[in-house]
Protein backbone atom coordinates (compact mmCIF):
# COMPACT_ATOMS: atom_id res chain seq x y z
CA MET A 1 35.30 53.75 -60.83
CA THR A 2 36.89 57.13 -60.27
CA ASN A 3 36.44 58.11 -63.91
CA ARG A 4 32.76 57.14 -63.82
CA ARG A 5 32.17 59.24 -60.72
CA THR A 6 34.04 62.14 -62.20
CA LEU A 7 31.77 62.06 -65.23
CA LEU A 8 28.69 61.88 -63.07
CA ARG A 9 29.79 64.83 -60.94
CA ALA A 10 30.78 66.91 -63.92
CA GLY A 11 27.44 66.17 -65.53
CA LEU A 12 26.52 65.06 -69.02
CA CYS A 13 24.07 66.86 -71.27
CA ALA A 14 20.47 65.85 -70.60
CA ALA A 15 19.91 64.23 -73.98
CA ALA A 16 23.03 62.08 -73.75
CA ALA A 17 22.22 61.04 -70.17
CA LEU A 18 18.68 60.00 -71.05
CA SER A 19 19.91 58.12 -74.10
CA SER A 20 22.46 56.21 -72.00
CA ARG A 21 19.88 55.36 -69.35
CA ALA A 22 17.34 54.13 -71.88
CA THR A 23 19.96 51.96 -73.56
CA HIS A 24 20.99 50.38 -70.25
CA VAL A 25 17.46 49.48 -69.25
CA THR A 26 16.36 48.37 -72.70
CA ALA A 27 19.42 46.16 -73.18
CA LEU A 28 18.90 44.47 -69.82
CA ALA A 29 15.21 43.92 -70.47
CA GLN A 30 15.78 42.55 -73.97
CA ALA A 31 18.64 40.32 -72.88
CA GLN A 32 16.65 38.71 -70.10
CA GLY A 33 13.14 38.80 -71.52
CA CYS A 34 10.28 41.03 -70.36
CA ASP A 35 7.97 38.05 -70.09
CA GLY A 36 10.00 36.73 -67.16
CA SER A 37 10.96 33.62 -69.08
CA ALA A 38 14.69 34.18 -68.78
CA ALA A 39 16.78 32.66 -66.04
CA ASP A 40 16.67 35.92 -64.15
CA GLY A 41 13.08 36.78 -64.96
CA GLU A 42 12.45 38.83 -61.80
CA LEU A 43 15.21 41.30 -62.62
CA SER A 44 14.19 41.49 -66.27
CA GLN A 45 10.61 42.23 -65.24
CA PHE A 46 11.84 45.09 -63.05
CA ALA A 47 13.86 46.40 -66.01
CA CYS A 48 10.65 46.34 -68.06
CA ASP A 49 8.75 48.13 -65.29
CA LEU A 50 11.47 50.79 -65.22
CA LEU A 51 11.46 51.41 -68.98
CA PRO A 52 8.98 54.34 -68.82
CA ALA A 53 11.28 56.08 -66.34
CA ALA A 54 14.60 57.81 -66.97
CA GLY A 55 16.61 55.83 -64.45
CA ALA A 56 19.36 53.41 -65.43
CA LEU A 57 19.41 49.78 -64.27
CA SER A 58 22.51 47.76 -65.03
CA ASP A 59 23.75 44.25 -64.37
CA ASP A 60 26.99 44.93 -66.22
CA ASN A 61 29.96 43.32 -64.46
CA ASN A 62 31.96 46.56 -64.44
CA ASP A 63 29.07 48.54 -62.95
CA ARG A 64 28.53 45.90 -60.29
CA ALA A 65 32.23 45.71 -59.45
CA ALA A 66 32.41 49.48 -59.11
CA VAL A 67 30.04 49.37 -56.13
CA SER A 68 31.35 46.16 -54.58
CA ARG A 69 33.90 47.93 -52.36
CA ASP A 70 33.90 51.07 -50.27
CA PHE A 71 36.43 53.53 -48.87
CA GLY A 72 37.31 51.14 -46.06
CA ASN A 73 38.57 48.65 -48.66
CA ILE A 74 38.09 45.82 -46.17
CA VAL A 75 34.70 44.24 -46.95
CA GLN A 76 33.42 43.21 -50.38
CA GLY A 77 29.90 42.56 -51.61
CA GLN A 78 28.86 42.40 -55.27
CA PRO A 79 25.22 43.24 -56.00
CA ARG A 80 23.00 41.62 -58.57
CA ALA A 81 22.38 44.97 -60.23
CA VAL A 82 22.94 48.71 -59.86
CA LEU A 83 20.24 51.37 -60.20
CA LYS A 84 21.05 54.99 -61.00
CA PRO A 85 17.71 56.66 -60.32
CA ALA A 86 16.57 59.77 -62.14
CA SER A 87 14.03 60.55 -59.43
CA ALA A 88 12.64 59.33 -56.12
CA THR A 89 9.96 57.54 -58.14
CA ASP A 90 12.63 55.20 -59.53
CA VAL A 91 13.78 54.46 -55.97
CA ALA A 92 10.19 53.72 -54.91
CA ARG A 93 9.68 51.39 -57.88
CA LEU A 94 12.80 49.45 -56.96
CA VAL A 95 11.76 49.12 -53.33
CA ARG A 96 8.29 47.87 -54.28
CA TRP A 97 9.88 45.33 -56.66
CA ALA A 98 12.24 44.23 -53.90
CA GLY A 99 9.30 43.73 -51.56
CA LYS A 100 7.77 41.28 -54.03
CA SER A 101 11.00 39.51 -54.95
CA GLY A 102 12.65 39.48 -51.52
CA HIS A 103 15.84 41.24 -52.64
CA LYS A 104 17.80 43.45 -50.26
CA ILE A 105 18.60 47.06 -51.13
CA ALA A 106 21.42 49.41 -50.16
CA ALA A 107 21.71 53.08 -51.06
CA ARG A 108 25.24 54.28 -51.83
CA GLY A 109 26.29 57.91 -51.80
CA GLN A 110 30.01 58.55 -52.29
CA GLY A 111 30.95 55.09 -51.02
CA HIS A 112 32.83 56.36 -47.96
CA SER A 113 31.71 53.78 -45.44
CA THR A 114 34.62 51.90 -43.88
CA TYR A 115 33.15 48.47 -43.19
CA GLY A 116 30.79 47.58 -46.02
CA ARG A 117 27.70 49.26 -44.56
CA ALA A 118 26.43 50.36 -48.00
CA LEU A 119 27.48 47.16 -49.77
CA ILE A 120 25.21 44.27 -50.59
CA GLU A 121 25.76 40.74 -51.83
CA GLY A 122 23.23 39.65 -54.42
CA GLY A 123 20.75 42.50 -53.96
CA VAL A 124 20.53 45.87 -55.67
CA VAL A 125 22.65 48.94 -54.93
CA ILE A 126 21.09 52.35 -55.58
CA ASP A 127 23.82 54.70 -56.78
CA MET A 128 22.54 57.97 -55.30
CA THR A 129 25.12 60.11 -57.11
CA SER A 130 22.57 60.51 -59.91
CA LEU A 131 20.23 62.31 -57.48
CA ASN A 132 22.37 65.41 -56.99
CA ALA A 133 20.23 68.43 -57.81
CA ILE A 134 20.10 71.60 -55.75
CA HIS A 135 16.47 72.65 -55.91
CA HIS A 136 15.97 75.79 -53.88
CA ILE A 137 17.76 78.26 -51.61
CA ALA A 138 15.70 80.78 -49.69
CA GLY A 139 16.52 82.74 -46.57
CA ASP A 140 17.40 80.19 -43.95
CA ARG A 141 17.20 76.91 -45.88
CA ILE A 142 18.28 74.87 -48.88
CA VAL A 143 16.55 71.93 -50.58
CA VAL A 144 18.91 69.35 -52.11
CA ASP A 145 18.87 65.78 -53.35
CA ALA A 146 20.41 63.20 -51.06
CA GLY A 147 23.25 62.37 -53.46
CA THR A 148 24.55 65.95 -53.47
CA THR A 149 27.94 66.40 -51.84
CA TRP A 150 28.47 68.91 -49.06
CA GLU A 151 31.01 70.66 -51.27
CA ARG A 152 28.30 71.41 -53.84
CA VAL A 153 25.96 72.51 -51.07
CA LEU A 154 28.57 74.93 -49.74
CA GLU A 155 29.36 76.34 -53.17
CA ALA A 156 25.67 77.02 -53.75
CA THR A 157 25.00 78.57 -50.34
CA LEU A 158 28.12 80.74 -50.25
CA ALA A 159 26.91 82.41 -53.43
CA GLN A 160 24.06 83.67 -51.25
CA GLY A 161 26.29 84.49 -48.27
CA LEU A 162 25.00 81.45 -46.35
CA THR A 163 26.38 78.18 -44.99
CA PRO A 164 25.18 75.06 -43.17
CA PRO A 165 25.93 75.43 -39.43
CA VAL A 166 27.95 72.19 -39.37
CA LEU A 167 30.16 70.97 -42.22
CA THR A 168 32.05 67.71 -42.28
CA ASN A 169 35.83 68.05 -42.38
CA TYR A 170 35.80 66.27 -45.74
CA LEU A 171 33.20 67.82 -48.04
CA GLY A 172 33.22 64.98 -50.56
CA LEU A 173 30.56 63.10 -48.55
CA SER A 174 26.91 63.01 -49.59
CA VAL A 175 24.11 64.76 -47.74
CA GLY A 176 22.05 61.60 -47.38
CA GLY A 177 25.05 59.62 -46.19
CA THR A 178 26.03 61.87 -43.32
CA ILE A 179 22.44 62.49 -42.20
CA SER A 180 22.00 58.72 -41.95
CA VAL A 181 24.83 58.46 -39.40
CA GLY A 182 24.72 61.87 -37.68
CA GLY A 183 27.21 64.09 -39.47
CA ILE A 184 30.04 65.44 -37.32
CA GLY A 185 32.37 68.33 -38.09
CA GLY A 186 34.55 71.04 -36.64
CA SER A 187 31.57 73.08 -35.44
CA SER A 188 29.92 70.13 -33.67
CA SER A 189 31.55 71.16 -30.39
CA ARG A 190 29.22 74.16 -30.39
CA HIS A 191 26.38 73.36 -32.83
CA GLY A 192 25.82 69.62 -32.53
CA MET A 193 25.48 67.25 -35.45
CA GLN A 194 24.30 67.87 -39.00
CA THR A 195 21.14 65.95 -38.12
CA ASP A 196 20.27 68.74 -35.65
CA HIS A 197 19.91 71.16 -38.56
CA VAL A 198 17.66 69.12 -40.84
CA LEU A 199 14.23 70.72 -41.32
CA SER A 200 12.55 67.94 -43.33
CA LEU A 201 13.34 64.84 -45.36
CA ASP A 202 11.79 63.22 -48.40
CA MET A 203 11.96 59.47 -47.92
CA VAL A 204 11.15 56.21 -49.64
CA THR A 205 10.19 53.70 -46.96
CA GLY A 206 10.84 49.98 -47.04
CA THR A 207 7.35 49.47 -48.43
CA GLY A 208 8.03 51.79 -51.37
CA GLU A 209 5.92 54.64 -50.02
CA GLN A 210 7.13 58.19 -50.68
CA LEU A 211 6.75 60.40 -47.62
CA THR A 212 7.92 63.81 -46.45
CA CYS A 213 8.77 63.77 -42.76
CA SER A 214 9.59 66.53 -40.28
CA PRO A 215 8.95 67.33 -36.62
CA GLN A 216 5.37 68.16 -37.64
CA SER A 217 4.65 65.28 -40.07
CA HIS A 218 5.58 61.60 -39.68
CA ALA A 219 7.79 62.63 -36.78
CA ASP A 220 8.55 59.01 -35.89
CA LEU A 221 10.08 58.45 -39.33
CA PHE A 222 11.94 61.76 -39.11
CA ASP A 223 13.54 60.66 -35.85
CA ALA A 224 14.27 57.18 -37.19
CA ALA A 225 15.88 58.56 -40.37
CA ARG A 226 18.33 60.96 -38.74
CA ALA A 227 21.28 58.85 -37.54
CA GLY A 228 19.10 55.77 -38.04
CA LEU A 229 21.58 54.06 -40.39
CA ALA A 230 19.09 53.94 -43.29
CA GLN A 231 17.08 51.20 -41.62
CA CYS A 232 13.54 52.54 -42.03
CA GLY A 233 13.72 54.46 -45.30
CA LEU A 234 16.03 55.91 -47.91
CA ILE A 235 16.55 59.67 -47.96
CA THR A 236 15.99 61.12 -51.42
CA ARG A 237 15.83 64.85 -50.62
CA ALA A 238 16.63 67.06 -47.63
CA THR A 239 15.71 70.55 -46.49
CA LEU A 240 18.59 71.93 -44.44
CA LYS A 241 18.95 74.93 -42.18
CA LEU A 242 21.33 77.71 -43.21
CA VAL A 243 23.01 80.54 -41.31
CA ARG A 244 24.98 83.58 -42.39
CA ALA A 245 28.46 82.62 -43.57
CA PRO A 246 31.49 84.36 -42.12
CA GLU A 247 34.02 85.83 -44.48
CA ARG A 248 37.21 84.56 -42.89
CA VAL A 249 38.61 81.96 -40.49
CA ARG A 250 41.59 82.32 -38.20
CA ARG A 251 42.85 78.86 -37.26
CA TYR A 252 45.07 78.15 -34.26
CA GLN A 253 47.18 75.01 -33.96
CA LEU A 254 48.57 74.74 -30.44
CA PHE A 255 50.91 72.03 -29.16
CA TYR A 256 51.25 70.48 -25.69
CA ARG A 257 53.72 68.41 -23.73
CA ASP A 258 51.19 65.74 -22.71
CA LEU A 259 47.59 64.62 -22.97
CA ALA A 260 46.54 65.99 -19.58
CA SER A 261 47.61 69.54 -20.52
CA LEU A 262 45.83 69.28 -23.87
CA ALA A 263 42.58 68.06 -22.31
CA ALA A 264 42.62 70.75 -19.63
CA ASP A 265 42.92 73.52 -22.23
CA GLN A 266 40.32 71.91 -24.46
CA ARG A 267 37.83 71.90 -21.60
CA ARG A 268 38.68 75.51 -20.80
CA ALA A 269 38.21 76.56 -24.42
CA LEU A 270 34.90 74.69 -24.67
CA GLN A 271 33.55 76.19 -21.45
CA ASP A 272 34.57 79.71 -22.51
CA ASP A 273 33.19 79.33 -26.08
CA ARG A 274 36.52 80.57 -27.41
CA PHE A 275 36.29 78.86 -30.77
CA GLU A 276 33.60 78.34 -33.39
CA GLN A 277 35.41 75.11 -34.18
CA LEU A 278 37.28 73.11 -31.54
CA GLN A 279 39.15 69.92 -32.35
CA GLY A 280 42.41 68.23 -31.44
CA ALA A 281 44.66 65.29 -32.14
CA ILE A 282 47.44 63.04 -30.94
CA LEU A 283 49.92 62.93 -33.81
CA PRO A 284 52.83 60.61 -34.64
CA ALA A 285 56.11 62.41 -34.02
CA GLY A 286 58.66 59.69 -34.72
CA PRO A 287 59.30 56.22 -33.30
CA GLY A 288 57.57 55.93 -29.92
CA ARG A 289 56.77 59.65 -29.76
CA TRP A 290 53.53 61.65 -30.01
CA ARG A 291 52.57 65.31 -30.34
CA TYR A 292 49.45 66.69 -28.66
CA GLN A 293 47.56 69.29 -30.63
CA LEU A 294 44.61 71.59 -30.02
CA GLU A 295 43.05 73.07 -33.14
CA GLY A 296 40.60 75.93 -32.83
CA ALA A 297 39.05 78.30 -35.34
CA VAL A 298 37.46 81.72 -34.94
CA PHE A 299 35.14 83.05 -37.64
CA TYR A 300 35.13 86.75 -38.46
CA ASP A 301 34.45 89.30 -41.16
CA LYS A 302 36.99 91.50 -42.89
CA GLY A 303 37.97 94.47 -40.80
CA SER A 304 37.24 92.81 -37.46
CA PRO A 305 39.89 90.15 -36.86
CA PRO A 306 39.98 88.32 -33.52
CA ASN A 307 42.23 89.45 -30.70
CA ASP A 308 44.80 86.66 -30.47
CA GLY A 309 45.70 87.59 -26.92
CA ALA A 310 42.10 87.25 -25.76
CA VAL A 311 41.55 84.02 -27.68
CA LEU A 312 44.70 82.35 -26.35
CA GLY A 313 44.88 83.94 -22.91
CA SER A 314 45.54 81.55 -19.98
CA LEU A 315 46.13 78.56 -22.26
CA SER A 316 49.19 76.47 -21.35
CA ASP A 317 50.44 75.41 -24.79
CA ASP A 318 54.01 75.74 -26.00
CA ARG A 319 53.38 79.12 -27.65
CA ASN A 320 56.68 79.07 -29.53
CA THR A 321 55.41 76.17 -31.66
CA ALA A 322 51.94 77.59 -32.34
CA VAL A 323 50.81 77.84 -35.96
CA ILE A 324 48.26 80.53 -36.79
CA THR A 325 46.75 80.77 -40.27
CA ASP A 326 44.15 83.03 -41.83
CA LEU A 327 41.96 81.96 -44.76
CA ALA A 328 38.74 82.81 -46.51
CA TYR A 329 35.88 80.72 -45.12
CA HIS A 330 35.51 78.86 -48.42
CA ASP A 331 39.21 77.98 -48.62
CA ASP A 332 39.33 76.86 -45.01
CA ALA A 333 36.33 74.56 -45.50
CA LEU A 334 38.05 72.91 -48.47
CA ALA A 335 41.45 72.56 -46.78
CA PHE A 336 41.07 68.79 -46.47
CA ALA A 337 41.45 68.56 -50.24
CA LYS A 338 45.20 69.13 -49.78
CA LEU A 339 45.43 66.15 -47.43
CA GLU A 340 43.39 64.07 -49.85
CA ALA A 341 45.81 64.92 -52.66
CA LEU A 342 48.77 63.95 -50.46
CA LEU A 343 47.18 60.63 -49.48
CA ARG A 344 46.35 59.85 -53.10
CA SER A 345 49.91 60.62 -54.17
CA LYS A 346 51.20 58.08 -51.64
CA GLY A 347 48.59 55.46 -52.45
CA LEU A 348 47.01 55.75 -49.01
CA TRP A 349 43.60 56.92 -50.23
CA SER A 350 42.86 53.48 -51.68
CA SER A 351 44.53 51.41 -48.96
CA PRO A 352 42.46 49.73 -46.19
CA HIS A 353 41.01 52.12 -43.62
CA PRO A 354 40.20 50.19 -40.44
CA TRP A 355 39.22 53.32 -38.54
CA LEU A 356 37.55 53.46 -35.12
CA PHE A 357 35.30 56.39 -34.10
CA THR A 358 34.06 56.73 -30.53
CA PHE A 359 32.93 59.13 -27.80
CA LEU A 360 34.47 58.89 -24.33
CA PRO A 361 32.83 60.09 -21.10
CA ASP A 362 34.30 63.33 -19.81
CA GLY A 363 35.13 61.90 -16.39
CA ASN A 364 37.62 59.30 -17.62
CA ALA A 365 38.50 60.55 -21.09
CA GLU A 366 42.22 61.13 -20.52
CA HIS A 367 42.62 57.88 -18.62
CA GLN A 368 40.90 55.83 -21.31
CA ALA A 369 42.67 57.60 -24.18
CA ASP A 370 46.09 57.36 -22.56
CA GLY A 371 45.65 53.65 -21.94
CA MET A 372 44.72 52.96 -25.56
CA ILE A 373 47.51 55.16 -26.92
CA GLY A 374 49.90 53.10 -24.82
CA ARG A 375 48.77 50.00 -26.70
CA LEU A 376 49.23 51.63 -30.12
CA SER A 377 52.48 52.15 -31.93
CA VAL A 378 53.31 55.00 -34.27
CA GLU A 379 53.96 52.36 -36.92
CA GLU A 380 50.41 51.00 -36.53
CA ILE A 381 48.90 54.41 -37.11
CA GLY A 382 51.21 55.33 -39.95
CA PRO A 383 53.13 58.61 -40.31
CA LEU A 384 50.07 60.35 -41.81
CA GLY A 385 47.57 58.79 -39.42
CA ARG A 386 46.31 60.31 -36.20
CA VAL A 387 44.22 59.86 -33.10
CA THR A 388 41.66 62.62 -32.84
CA PHE A 389 40.80 63.76 -29.32
CA TYR A 390 38.59 66.72 -28.46
CA PRO A 391 35.51 67.62 -26.41
CA LEU A 392 31.95 68.32 -27.54
CA ASN A 393 28.99 69.84 -25.76
CA THR A 394 26.45 67.00 -25.90
CA ARG A 395 23.63 69.40 -25.03
CA ALA A 396 24.08 71.01 -28.45
CA SER A 397 22.66 67.88 -30.07
CA GLY A 398 19.03 66.84 -29.80
CA THR A 399 18.92 64.06 -32.39
CA PRO A 400 17.36 61.07 -30.58
CA LEU A 401 19.45 58.37 -32.27
CA VAL A 402 22.81 60.11 -31.91
CA ARG A 403 24.24 58.36 -28.89
CA TRP A 404 26.38 60.09 -26.25
CA PRO A 405 27.98 59.05 -22.99
CA ASP A 406 26.26 60.37 -19.88
CA GLY A 407 27.11 63.97 -19.01
CA ASN A 408 27.22 67.33 -20.73
CA ILE A 409 30.66 66.81 -22.30
CA ALA A 410 31.98 63.89 -24.35
CA PHE A 411 35.41 63.48 -25.90
CA CYS A 412 35.70 62.38 -29.50
CA PHE A 413 38.33 59.63 -29.69
CA ASN A 414 39.05 58.35 -33.20
CA ILE A 415 41.87 56.10 -34.34
CA VAL A 416 42.57 57.02 -37.95
CA HIS A 417 44.97 54.44 -39.37
CA MET A 418 46.78 55.24 -42.60
CA LEU A 419 48.14 51.83 -43.51
CA ALA A 420 50.76 51.63 -46.22
CA SER A 421 50.07 47.92 -46.75
CA ALA A 422 46.91 46.03 -47.68
CA ASP A 423 48.20 42.93 -45.89
CA ALA A 424 45.09 40.99 -44.84
CA ALA A 425 46.67 39.66 -41.65
CA GLY A 426 47.64 43.15 -40.53
CA VAL A 427 44.17 44.52 -41.27
CA GLY A 428 42.63 41.62 -39.37
CA GLN A 429 44.80 42.36 -36.34
CA THR A 430 43.73 46.01 -36.45
CA LEU A 431 40.05 45.01 -36.61
CA SER A 432 40.55 42.73 -33.61
CA LYS A 433 42.17 45.57 -31.70
CA ASN A 434 39.27 47.86 -32.69
CA ARG A 435 36.92 45.36 -31.09
CA LEU A 436 39.00 45.17 -27.91
CA PHE A 437 39.12 48.96 -27.66
CA TYR A 438 35.40 49.21 -28.29
CA GLU A 439 34.69 46.74 -25.49
CA GLN A 440 36.90 48.79 -23.18
CA ILE A 441 35.25 52.07 -24.21
CA ARG A 442 31.75 50.64 -23.88
CA GLY A 443 32.57 49.18 -20.47
CA ALA A 444 33.76 52.62 -19.34
CA GLY A 445 30.51 54.30 -20.43
CA GLY A 446 31.55 55.35 -23.92
CA VAL A 447 29.82 54.76 -27.24
CA GLN A 448 30.83 54.49 -30.88
CA TYR A 449 30.06 56.87 -33.69
CA PRO A 450 28.60 54.31 -36.12
CA VAL A 451 30.99 54.70 -39.05
CA SER A 452 33.69 52.50 -37.55
CA ALA A 453 35.42 49.50 -39.09
CA LEU A 454 34.00 47.23 -36.45
CA PRO A 455 32.01 43.98 -36.64
CA MET A 456 28.67 44.47 -34.89
CA ALA A 457 25.99 41.91 -34.02
CA PRO A 458 22.30 42.84 -33.51
CA GLU A 459 22.73 42.64 -29.74
CA ASP A 460 25.63 45.12 -29.99
CA TRP A 461 23.37 47.56 -31.80
CA GLU A 462 20.58 47.12 -29.28
CA ARG A 463 23.03 47.97 -26.52
CA HIS A 464 24.43 50.87 -28.57
CA PHE A 465 21.05 52.55 -29.03
CA GLY A 466 20.04 51.87 -25.44
CA SER A 467 16.86 53.67 -24.42
CA ALA A 468 16.27 54.74 -28.05
CA TRP A 469 16.24 51.14 -29.30
CA PRO A 470 12.49 50.43 -28.82
CA LYS A 471 11.49 53.43 -30.96
CA LEU A 472 13.94 52.48 -33.72
CA ARG A 473 12.76 48.86 -33.60
CA ASP A 474 9.11 49.93 -33.79
CA ALA A 475 9.83 52.28 -36.70
CA LYS A 476 11.64 49.46 -38.50
CA ARG A 477 8.61 47.21 -38.13
CA ARG A 478 6.30 49.97 -39.35
CA TYR A 479 8.29 51.33 -42.29
CA ASP A 480 10.42 48.34 -43.39
CA PRO A 481 8.52 45.27 -42.21
CA ALA A 482 10.23 42.95 -44.72
CA ASN A 483 13.69 44.10 -43.53
CA LEU A 484 14.84 45.01 -47.04
CA LEU A 485 16.95 48.10 -46.41
CA THR A 486 20.66 48.51 -45.71
CA PRO A 487 21.59 45.04 -44.41
CA GLY A 488 25.29 45.94 -44.15
CA TYR A 489 24.90 47.21 -40.60
CA ASN A 490 23.48 43.89 -39.39
CA LEU A 491 20.98 45.59 -37.08
CA PHE A 492 17.94 43.37 -37.47
């Protein structure tokens, strides 16, 4: 699977790619019969319909197995076939075929969901990595295909001295994938979610219609697509806002004696706008011990570095343990690659990832977090795991389907397990604890960020979306009336 993705990202020559695609489709059509007489006549007929296009449809066992698991490595679901589209037209053709045949469809970007959200049993997976072109950069915007990674977006925009306002910490995620859930990053404390910086989207709806939506055109679909969990349409292309990129980043890692001191300084830093990026974590520090960390970053240009005294003034950290680093903006944005390499070297990148992502209300954030930390052991988290804990300004986000606790500040509380074992019983216990924590958080006024390894029933989702639920439900009925798209979330 990794080798196939590496080849796709590196790119093959156009002639070889088209030849491979044609062979895939032709072989499938010939093997099953274009007259629909074969045992799987519906799929063969779709292969025949696709023949004039450049996309690749495969029912090869290896291709199907490659998209039967995700990064979470907890849930499995093997599709009937895999489509690698060459254009949005291929996606639309598949959706229209699915509408006639009753097959479910899931779009897969980089496969980084943690609980099978982009998996499908018996339907068709659309491998969006083949839609990865960067089409246009001009002034304050970039137009990219949905399968493009944020790393490729950044490389392209930095060449023009520009950057997206919010980048995910890990840039190996796809544009369409993060827009479908919200897209959170280090700058979200000040600039909201990635969905707040989307100018327009090209979509294929659940009826196979190709539409461009924005605040001015098909606004209901635009609002349902951003953080809408791919329920009403599949994103094929996005126009994203850009801002001037800084040249350098000074990053401050500050350590605290307890959670209360950390939270107090985080609130102070957020209120004072001290950092362009504000995050924090509760880190394993040995058996039964934790370290409390604030991480802030200040952007600047060469020749005008920040005044450390002004940035850190009145903060109550243990200054003797502070770590201050200075990097080019590009290198800082890609820093997670070092952690990825470490996790891969220890086999933790492919182990189960039963992670929980939530937002706590400001008023009881420390109390809730402290209580849950008390029910976690360092061994459960793993020596390279962490609990992230930091505040965000909820007013910076205006995406209707991004859910926040009441109030102007919410605390991000994520339990990031790094399990050394794939023991099914242990993973099951962690999932059960995730559910218990989620019930506690929800009862205290918190919400989840919907990328968690967490079983969810339709009634859970209705409660999650709250006042926004009727509009999402109505958009689902309008744009995906047959309920074909992205069944892994179990919304409808």
